[in-house]
Protein backbone atom coordinates (compact mmCIF):
# COMPACT_ATOMS: atom_id res chain seq x y z
CA MET A 1 -92.57 -48.43 -52.36
CA SER A 2 -93.68 -45.18 -54.69
CA ARG A 3 -93.02 -44.44 -58.71
CA ARG A 4 -90.19 -42.79 -59.45
CA LEU A 5 -88.57 -40.87 -62.62
CA PHE A 6 -85.99 -43.16 -63.29
CA VAL A 7 -82.98 -41.20 -64.89
CA ALA A 8 -83.76 -37.90 -63.07
CA GLY A 9 -82.95 -34.94 -65.45
CA THR A 10 -81.59 -37.24 -68.05
CA ALA A 11 -83.17 -35.54 -71.45
CA ALA A 12 -85.23 -38.66 -73.24
CA SER A 13 -82.90 -38.29 -76.31
CA ALA A 14 -79.63 -39.67 -73.65
CA PHE A 15 -81.68 -43.54 -73.67
CA VAL A 16 -79.80 -46.31 -75.51
CA LEU A 17 -81.39 -49.66 -75.85
CA SER A 18 -78.69 -52.70 -74.85
CA SER A 19 -77.77 -55.95 -75.97
CA ASN A 20 -80.06 -57.84 -74.26
CA SER A 21 -83.34 -55.00 -74.85
CA PRO A 22 -86.72 -56.63 -74.80
CA PRO A 23 -86.91 -56.65 -79.04
CA ALA A 24 -89.41 -54.80 -81.32
CA LYS A 25 -92.66 -56.81 -82.55
CA SER A 26 -93.28 -57.27 -85.59
CA VAL A 27 -97.40 -58.01 -85.87
CA ARG A 28 -97.94 -60.80 -87.56
CA SER A 29 -99.84 -59.91 -90.54
CA SER A 30 -97.19 -58.42 -91.86
CA LYS A 31 -94.15 -56.61 -90.99
CA LYS A 32 -94.45 -53.61 -89.20
CA VAL A 33 -92.28 -52.88 -85.98
CA ILE A 34 -93.57 -51.84 -82.57
CA PRO A 35 -91.71 -51.54 -79.26
CA PRO A 36 -93.26 -53.25 -76.72
CA ILE A 37 -94.32 -50.24 -73.99
CA GLY A 38 -97.24 -48.70 -76.24
CA MET A 39 -99.52 -45.63 -74.51
CA GLY A 40 -103.07 -46.15 -73.44
CA SER A 41 -105.08 -42.22 -73.01
CA TRP A 42 -107.68 -43.75 -71.25
CA ARG A 43 -108.37 -40.51 -68.08
CA THR A 44 -105.44 -39.69 -69.00
CA PHE A 45 -106.03 -37.16 -71.84
CA ASP A 46 -109.52 -36.31 -71.16
CA VAL A 47 -108.74 -32.81 -70.88
CA GLY A 48 -110.06 -29.63 -70.83
CA PRO A 49 -108.85 -26.20 -72.78
CA ASP A 50 -105.66 -25.34 -69.23
CA PRO A 51 -102.86 -24.78 -71.84
CA GLU A 52 -100.90 -26.41 -68.70
CA ALA A 53 -102.54 -29.24 -68.40
CA ARG A 54 -102.19 -29.92 -72.93
CA LYS A 55 -98.55 -29.06 -72.37
CA VAL A 56 -98.17 -32.04 -69.61
CA ARG A 57 -100.08 -34.08 -71.82
CA ALA A 58 -97.74 -33.35 -75.24
CA GLU A 59 -94.40 -33.26 -73.24
CA ILE A 60 -95.51 -36.82 -72.17
CA LEU A 61 -96.03 -38.06 -76.56
CA ARG A 62 -92.81 -35.88 -76.74
CA VAL A 63 -90.52 -38.29 -74.73
CA PHE A 64 -92.65 -41.13 -75.17
CA PHE A 65 -91.68 -40.56 -78.94
CA ALA A 66 -87.52 -39.74 -77.67
CA CYS A 67 -87.52 -42.84 -76.12
CA GLY A 68 -88.48 -45.62 -78.97
CA GLY A 69 -92.23 -45.54 -78.41
CA ARG A 70 -95.30 -46.10 -81.62
CA MET A 71 -98.21 -46.80 -80.43
CA ILE A 72 -100.67 -44.74 -78.95
CA ASP A 73 -104.15 -46.57 -78.01
CA SER A 74 -107.86 -44.28 -77.55
CA SER A 75 -111.28 -44.01 -77.79
CA PRO A 76 -114.81 -42.57 -79.18
CA MET A 77 -115.11 -43.45 -75.05
CA TYR A 78 -112.64 -41.51 -74.37
CA GLY A 79 -113.86 -38.09 -73.97
CA ARG A 80 -111.28 -35.26 -74.84
CA SER A 81 -108.55 -37.83 -75.47
CA GLN A 82 -108.70 -38.42 -79.39
CA ALA A 83 -108.58 -34.24 -79.92
CA VAL A 84 -105.83 -33.58 -76.62
CA ILE A 85 -104.06 -36.58 -78.29
CA GLY A 86 -103.97 -35.45 -81.60
CA GLU A 87 -103.49 -31.64 -80.37
CA ALA A 88 -100.69 -32.27 -78.97
CA LEU A 89 -98.92 -34.49 -81.94
CA GLN A 90 -99.47 -30.89 -83.43
CA LYS A 91 -97.39 -30.02 -80.90
CA ILE A 92 -94.15 -32.10 -81.41
CA GLY A 93 -93.78 -32.18 -84.87
CA ASN A 94 -95.84 -35.21 -86.07
CA PRO A 95 -93.64 -37.53 -84.63
CA SER A 96 -93.94 -40.61 -88.47
CA SER A 97 -92.82 -43.42 -86.20
CA LEU A 98 -96.82 -43.26 -85.04
CA PHE A 99 -99.04 -45.85 -84.42
CA ALA A 100 -101.72 -44.76 -83.75
CA ALA A 101 -104.71 -47.09 -82.91
CA ASP A 102 -108.09 -46.38 -81.90
CA LYS A 103 -111.70 -48.27 -82.04
CA VAL A 104 -115.00 -47.48 -83.23
CA TRP A 105 -117.09 -47.88 -80.82
CA THR A 106 -121.17 -47.16 -81.64
CA SER A 107 -124.37 -49.32 -83.70
CA GLY A 108 -125.71 -49.00 -87.03
CA GLU A 109 -123.28 -49.40 -89.88
CA ARG A 110 -123.80 -45.67 -91.12
CA GLN A 111 -123.21 -44.47 -87.32
CA GLY A 112 -119.71 -46.93 -87.51
CA ARG A 113 -118.88 -45.03 -90.31
CA GLU A 114 -119.49 -41.16 -89.75
CA GLN A 115 -117.45 -41.96 -86.27
CA ILE A 116 -114.61 -43.23 -87.52
CA GLU A 117 -114.34 -40.06 -90.01
CA GLN A 118 -114.92 -37.34 -86.41
CA THR A 119 -111.56 -40.07 -84.63
CA THR A 120 -109.21 -39.34 -87.16
CA SER A 121 -110.07 -35.60 -87.26
CA ARG A 122 -109.59 -35.20 -84.45
CA TRP A 123 -106.04 -37.29 -84.43
CA GLN A 124 -105.17 -34.71 -86.84
CA ILE A 125 -103.68 -37.73 -89.34
CA PRO A 126 -103.82 -38.95 -92.60
CA LYS A 127 -105.32 -42.26 -91.64
CA LEU A 128 -104.91 -45.01 -89.15
CA ASP A 129 -102.90 -47.72 -88.71
CA LEU A 130 -105.01 -49.43 -86.93
CA LEU A 131 -108.84 -49.62 -85.61
CA GLN A 132 -110.73 -52.02 -83.41
CA VAL A 133 -114.00 -53.01 -82.33
CA HIS A 134 -114.82 -51.52 -78.78
CA ASN A 135 -115.57 -54.46 -76.04
CA LEU A 136 -118.32 -55.58 -79.24
CA LEU A 137 -120.00 -53.17 -79.16
CA ASP A 138 -121.87 -53.95 -82.94
CA TRP A 139 -119.23 -56.33 -84.15
CA GLU A 140 -119.87 -58.53 -86.67
CA THR A 141 -121.25 -55.20 -88.13
CA GLN A 142 -117.91 -52.67 -87.33
CA LEU A 143 -115.44 -55.50 -88.55
CA GLU A 144 -117.77 -55.73 -92.01
CA THR A 145 -117.44 -52.53 -92.05
CA LEU A 146 -113.29 -52.10 -90.89
CA PHE A 147 -112.17 -55.56 -93.28
CA GLN A 148 -113.97 -52.92 -95.65
CA LEU A 149 -111.80 -50.48 -94.95
CA LYS A 150 -108.54 -52.22 -94.73
CA ALA A 151 -108.89 -53.71 -98.71
CA SER A 152 -109.77 -50.11 -99.60
CA GLY A 153 -106.19 -49.52 -98.50
CA ARG A 154 -107.82 -46.84 -95.60
CA LEU A 155 -106.93 -49.03 -92.70
CA ARG A 156 -103.77 -51.10 -91.86
CA TYR A 157 -104.77 -53.03 -89.51
CA VAL A 158 -108.22 -54.50 -87.53
CA GLY A 159 -108.82 -55.33 -83.78
CA ILE A 160 -111.73 -56.70 -81.66
CA THR A 161 -110.89 -55.83 -77.29
CA SER A 162 -112.09 -55.85 -73.85
CA TYR A 163 -111.42 -56.02 -70.94
CA ASP A 164 -111.06 -57.09 -66.78
CA GLY A 165 -112.19 -61.20 -68.19
CA LEU A 166 -115.44 -60.08 -70.49
CA GLN A 167 -116.16 -61.82 -73.02
CA TYR A 168 -113.76 -63.74 -73.36
CA ASP A 169 -115.16 -66.70 -75.44
CA MET A 170 -117.00 -64.54 -78.27
CA LEU A 171 -113.04 -62.41 -78.45
CA GLU A 172 -112.35 -67.00 -78.58
CA LYS A 173 -115.12 -67.37 -81.68
CA ILE A 174 -114.43 -64.35 -83.28
CA MET A 175 -110.15 -65.27 -83.35
CA THR A 176 -111.49 -68.31 -84.70
CA GLU A 177 -113.68 -66.48 -87.10
CA HIS A 178 -112.25 -64.09 -88.64
CA PRO A 179 -108.96 -63.03 -90.01
CA ILE A 180 -108.22 -59.89 -87.90
CA ASP A 181 -104.78 -58.75 -87.18
CA PHE A 182 -104.77 -57.50 -82.92
CA VAL A 183 -106.41 -58.63 -80.17
CA GLN A 184 -107.18 -55.68 -77.68
CA LEU A 185 -107.68 -58.18 -73.47
CA SER A 186 -106.93 -57.24 -69.86
CA TYR A 187 -103.87 -59.22 -69.02
CA ASN A 188 -100.89 -58.02 -66.01
CA ILE A 189 -98.92 -59.95 -63.31
CA SER A 190 -102.42 -60.28 -60.99
CA ASP A 191 -104.33 -61.14 -63.82
CA ARG A 192 -103.11 -63.85 -65.83
CA ARG A 193 -107.00 -65.15 -67.63
CA ALA A 194 -105.71 -65.15 -70.86
CA GLU A 195 -102.65 -67.35 -70.41
CA ASN A 196 -105.19 -69.96 -70.37
CA ARG A 197 -106.63 -69.58 -74.07
CA LEU A 198 -106.28 -66.48 -75.96
CA LEU A 199 -102.03 -66.41 -75.56
CA PRO A 200 -101.66 -69.82 -77.23
CA LEU A 201 -105.01 -68.95 -79.76
CA ALA A 202 -103.57 -65.52 -80.52
CA LEU A 203 -99.90 -66.66 -81.58
CA GLU A 204 -101.05 -69.95 -82.24
CA ARG A 205 -104.00 -68.02 -85.38
CA GLY A 206 -100.63 -65.06 -86.20
CA ILE A 207 -103.04 -62.31 -83.84
CA SER A 208 -100.63 -59.96 -81.87
CA VAL A 209 -102.21 -58.45 -79.08
CA ILE A 210 -102.34 -55.41 -77.27
CA ALA A 211 -102.64 -55.40 -73.07
CA ASN A 212 -104.75 -53.49 -71.52
CA ARG A 213 -104.98 -52.50 -67.59
CA PRO A 214 -101.30 -53.32 -66.75
CA PHE A 215 -101.99 -51.54 -63.48
CA GLN A 216 -105.49 -52.79 -63.03
CA GLU A 217 -105.90 -48.60 -63.63
CA GLY A 218 -103.43 -48.04 -60.95
CA ARG A 219 -104.67 -50.16 -58.35
CA LEU A 220 -101.67 -52.63 -58.38
CA ILE A 221 -98.78 -49.80 -57.96
CA GLU A 222 -101.10 -49.14 -54.10
CA LYS A 223 -101.07 -52.67 -53.76
CA THR A 224 -97.37 -52.84 -53.55
CA ARG A 225 -97.29 -48.78 -51.91
CA THR A 226 -94.81 -50.25 -49.16
CA ARG A 227 -93.87 -53.88 -49.66
CA SER A 228 -90.20 -53.63 -51.01
CA MET A 229 -88.93 -54.69 -54.17
CA PRO A 230 -88.54 -59.07 -54.68
CA SER A 231 -85.29 -60.24 -55.32
CA SER A 232 -86.25 -61.40 -58.60
CA ALA A 233 -85.84 -57.56 -59.74
CA LYS A 234 -82.04 -57.47 -59.83
CA ASP A 235 -82.39 -59.83 -61.97
CA ILE A 236 -83.61 -58.08 -64.92
CA GLU A 237 -82.64 -54.42 -63.57
CA SER A 238 -85.92 -53.05 -62.87
CA ASP A 239 -85.94 -50.21 -59.92
CA SER A 240 -89.74 -50.04 -59.88
CA TRP A 241 -92.87 -52.03 -59.37
CA ALA A 242 -94.12 -50.17 -62.02
CA GLN A 243 -90.68 -51.45 -64.88
CA TYR A 244 -90.96 -55.01 -63.06
CA MET A 245 -95.02 -55.19 -64.09
CA LEU A 246 -94.75 -54.45 -67.36
CA GLN A 247 -91.14 -56.37 -68.06
CA TYR A 248 -93.24 -59.09 -67.07
CA ILE A 249 -96.04 -58.90 -69.40
CA ALA A 250 -93.80 -57.21 -72.38
CA SER A 251 -92.08 -60.35 -72.16
CA HIS A 252 -95.10 -62.85 -73.02
CA PRO A 253 -94.21 -64.22 -76.18
CA ALA A 254 -98.15 -63.40 -77.27
CA VAL A 255 -97.48 -59.99 -76.80
CA THR A 256 -96.88 -57.51 -79.02
CA VAL A 257 -97.54 -54.54 -76.64
CA THR A 258 -98.51 -53.23 -73.79
CA ILE A 259 -99.98 -50.05 -73.07
CA PRO A 260 -99.82 -47.86 -68.96
CA ALA A 261 -101.97 -44.57 -69.63
CA THR A 262 -100.22 -41.54 -67.51
CA SER A 263 -100.78 -37.93 -67.28
CA ARG A 264 -96.95 -37.84 -65.60
CA VAL A 265 -94.00 -36.86 -67.63
CA ASP A 266 -91.95 -38.40 -65.34
CA HIS A 267 -94.27 -41.81 -64.46
CA MET A 268 -94.14 -41.83 -68.79
CA ARG A 269 -90.17 -41.73 -68.13
CA GLU A 270 -90.67 -44.71 -66.05
CA ASN A 271 -92.52 -46.52 -68.02
CA ILE A 272 -91.32 -45.72 -71.20
CA SER A 273 -87.30 -47.18 -69.68
CA VAL A 274 -88.74 -50.57 -69.82
CA LEU A 275 -87.60 -50.99 -73.79
CA HIS A 276 -84.08 -50.59 -72.38
CA LYS A 277 -84.78 -52.93 -69.32
CA PRO A 278 -83.37 -57.06 -69.45
CA VAL A 279 -85.90 -59.52 -70.30
CA PRO A 280 -86.95 -62.24 -67.86
CA ASP A 281 -87.09 -66.12 -69.92
CA GLN A 282 -89.53 -68.34 -68.85
CA ALA A 283 -88.50 -69.53 -65.50
CA LEU A 284 -87.79 -66.01 -64.08
CA ARG A 285 -91.48 -64.87 -65.19
CA GLU A 286 -92.67 -67.64 -62.79
CA LYS A 287 -90.20 -67.00 -59.84
CA MET A 288 -92.07 -63.48 -60.43
CA ALA A 289 -95.03 -64.30 -60.59
CA ARG A 290 -94.70 -66.14 -57.52
CA GLU A 291 -92.79 -62.98 -55.99
CA PHE A 292 -95.62 -60.36 -56.70
CA LEU A 293 -98.58 -62.92 -55.22
CA SER A 294 -96.19 -64.24 -52.13
């Protein structure tokens, strides 16, 4: 079953939250509220000067914000993504609801500070909401810088990231010993390793969780392309496997937001429409996982 447009021809602004839609979740270290579906930019926003490609990215962002999205996540590692995001934000009028999340990905204090300034300039915004130490590169040096920026009011939140189960022991150590606001890690219906230690620890420590790789960079979508939707999809009004997977992730009590990436407007509509879908309870989540693996 291919991914499809949620409502063909329907304007993004026409979507209305239903009473059983997933609630926006507060950043656990503050009162800031973030809807549980955000947007990643790995590969999908790393485009060249082609005006049509950049026009599409601006439309993706327009749909994202019109449907209630807030968090966009990027990194210096993602090529031209930061600059493309910044340009697209300008085109759509710099939405005030933006929650800008980026990363520092270098070694050395001076290099880290310079990279942060460059990142902020590329986004074309006064300051970022969240900066994360990307894949724990020189994490002790960079965390110290980020905490200083937060203390001075130049940054709202501090976080760390990893992916695909890498360095999870170190994530646990940092989460236990340092007052970070966010941890970003891999979590999806196929990869649930974070449920063992990290997600419970995040709840215990009051750390907000960003779930990356919700589709394992498209591999989970490919695996389900010829499969029929399971019976549990009807219970949560999932119209596609993509929605089903996102509903599973977003319903975990420790997950604040998940960040699917896309280069297509119809896929953005499909992803962000999860904000308007029912939330599976724990019993249904267990059924979903069983049916996915069957």
